[in-house]
């Protein structure tokens, strides 16, 4: 049986490494492990969780009240409703444009843009 040497780090050393991470002297747990030759991929991160002032390093934290969370849900629902409304309106507009083109073609109107600009109640000029 092969015995691995177990390294024990002092509390002061652990605190120093964690302090350097929190102060920005080291950019990450992996950076600290490489600099000090610490084995184990999660050793330094465990130290940060245990000894650190800021247990949130590398995490995204959202602080919100219940009211803000409810407001966010309401706004997301409103966005979905408006997206549906815009899609419906776009479809209605496409149908209307197609109908106008077909009606103009059937009526013998060549210039549809001029026809659309005519005032209501006036007969378009035929060509």
Protein backbone atom coordinates (compact mmCIF):
# COMPACT_ATOMS: atom_id res chain seq x y z
CA UNK A 1 0.00 0.00 0.00
CA UNK A 2 1.42 3.35 -1.07
CA UNK A 3 0.98 6.10 1.45
CA UNK A 4 0.56 9.66 0.24
CA UNK A 5 2.06 12.44 2.28
CA UNK A 6 -0.71 14.46 3.84
CA UNK A 7 -0.05 18.16 4.00
CA UNK A 8 -1.49 20.13 6.87
CA UNK A 9 -1.78 23.89 6.49
CA UNK A 10 -1.87 26.21 9.46
CA UNK A 11 -4.92 28.32 10.19
CA UNK A 12 -2.77 31.44 9.70
CA UNK A 13 -1.66 30.26 6.24
CA UNK A 14 -5.23 29.48 5.23
CA UNK A 15 -6.37 32.91 6.47
CA UNK A 16 -3.55 34.59 4.52
CA UNK A 17 -4.48 32.84 1.26
CA UNK A 18 -8.17 33.65 1.71
CA UNK A 19 -7.33 37.27 2.52
CA UNK A 20 -5.26 37.58 -0.66
CA UNK A 21 -8.18 36.27 -2.72
CA UNK A 22 -10.67 38.60 -1.07
CA UNK A 23 -8.34 41.59 -1.45
CA UNK A 24 -7.90 40.87 -5.16
CA UNK A 25 -4.20 40.00 -4.98
CA UNK A 26 -5.11 36.56 -6.32
CA UNK A 27 -7.79 36.27 -8.97
CA UNK A 28 -9.27 32.89 -8.07
CA UNK A 29 -9.03 29.79 -5.90
CA UNK A 30 -7.12 28.06 -8.72
CA UNK A 31 -4.69 30.99 -8.94
CA UNK A 32 -3.98 30.66 -5.21
CA UNK A 33 -3.53 26.90 -5.46
CA UNK A 34 -1.03 27.31 -8.30
CA UNK A 35 0.91 30.07 -6.57
CA UNK A 36 1.28 28.20 -3.27
CA UNK A 37 1.44 24.64 -4.65
CA UNK A 38 -1.74 23.58 -2.90
CA UNK A 39 -2.99 20.21 -4.12
CA UNK A 40 -6.65 19.46 -4.57
CA UNK A 41 -8.93 21.35 -6.92
CA UNK A 42 -11.37 22.48 -4.23
CA UNK A 43 -9.12 22.94 -1.19
CA UNK A 44 -8.74 26.71 -1.45
CA UNK A 45 -12.42 27.20 -2.28
CA UNK A 46 -13.34 25.30 0.88
CA UNK A 47 -11.04 27.61 2.82
CA UNK A 48 -12.76 30.65 1.33
CA UNK A 49 -16.19 29.32 2.35
CA UNK A 50 -14.96 28.49 5.85
CA UNK A 51 -12.65 31.40 6.66
CA UNK A 52 -13.57 34.15 4.25
CA UNK A 53 -15.32 37.43 4.99
CA UNK A 54 -17.15 37.17 1.72
CA UNK A 55 -18.61 33.71 1.11
CA UNK A 56 -20.04 34.85 -2.22
CA UNK A 57 -16.86 34.95 -4.29
CA UNK A 58 -17.58 33.71 -7.80
CA UNK A 59 -21.33 33.66 -7.28
CA UNK A 60 -24.05 35.86 -8.68
CA UNK A 61 -26.29 37.16 -5.94
CA UNK A 62 -29.62 38.80 -6.54
CA UNK A 63 -31.18 40.59 -3.64
CA UNK A 64 -34.82 41.39 -4.17
CA UNK A 65 -37.91 41.87 -2.10
CA UNK A 66 -41.09 39.86 -2.52
CA UNK A 67 -42.66 42.94 -4.14
CA UNK A 68 -39.84 43.21 -6.65
CA UNK A 69 -40.11 39.50 -7.48
CA UNK A 70 -43.88 39.87 -8.00
CA UNK A 71 -43.33 42.97 -10.13
CA UNK A 72 -40.80 41.08 -12.26
CA UNK A 73 -43.31 38.25 -12.82
CA UNK A 74 -46.00 40.80 -13.73
CA UNK A 75 -43.70 42.58 -16.17
CA UNK A 76 -42.63 39.32 -17.83
CA UNK A 77 -46.29 38.38 -18.26
CA UNK A 78 -46.99 41.83 -19.75
CA UNK A 79 -44.10 41.40 -22.20
CA UNK A 80 -45.55 38.05 -23.32
CA UNK A 81 -48.97 39.67 -23.80
CA UNK A 82 -47.49 42.54 -25.82
CA UNK A 83 -45.43 40.16 -27.96
CA UNK A 84 -48.60 38.22 -28.75
CA UNK A 85 -50.42 41.46 -29.56
CA UNK A 86 -47.61 42.61 -31.88
CA UNK A 87 -47.61 39.24 -33.65
CA UNK A 88 -51.40 39.43 -34.13
CA UNK A 89 -51.18 43.00 -35.43
CA UNK A 90 -48.38 42.06 -37.83
CA UNK A 91 -50.48 39.23 -39.18
CA UNK A 92 -53.52 41.51 -39.54
CA UNK A 93 -51.41 44.09 -41.39
CA UNK A 94 -50.01 41.46 -43.75
CA UNK A 95 -53.54 40.23 -44.53
CA UNK A 96 -54.76 43.79 -45.07
CA UNK A 97 -51.87 44.62 -47.42
CA UNK A 98 -52.55 41.49 -49.43
CA UNK A 99 -56.26 42.32 -49.59
CA UNK A 100 -55.54 45.87 -50.81
CA UNK A 101 -53.18 44.55 -53.51
CA UNK A 102 -55.77 42.04 -54.69
CA UNK A 103 -58.57 44.63 -54.63
CA UNK A 104 -56.48 47.14 -56.56
CA UNK A 105 -55.49 44.52 -59.11
CA UNK A 106 -59.15 43.53 -59.58
CA UNK A 107 -60.17 47.20 -59.91
CA UNK A 108 -57.42 47.81 -62.46
CA UNK A 109 -55.41 50.18 -60.23
CA UNK A 110 -51.73 49.99 -61.11
CA UNK A 111 -50.21 52.41 -58.58
CA UNK A 112 -51.20 51.01 -55.18
CA UNK A 113 -49.09 53.50 -53.19
CA UNK A 114 -50.86 56.47 -54.79
CA UNK A 115 -54.21 54.77 -54.20
CA UNK A 116 -53.44 54.35 -50.49
CA UNK A 117 -52.51 58.04 -50.19
CA UNK A 118 -55.81 59.30 -51.69
CA UNK A 119 -58.22 60.90 -49.27
CA UNK A 120 -61.16 58.72 -48.24
CA UNK A 121 -64.26 59.30 -50.32
CA UNK A 122 -62.42 60.30 -53.49
CA UNK A 123 -62.24 58.02 -56.46
CA UNK A 124 -58.76 56.98 -57.49
CA UNK A 125 -57.57 57.92 -60.95
CA UNK A 126 -57.65 54.95 -63.33
CA UNK A 127 -54.96 54.42 -65.88
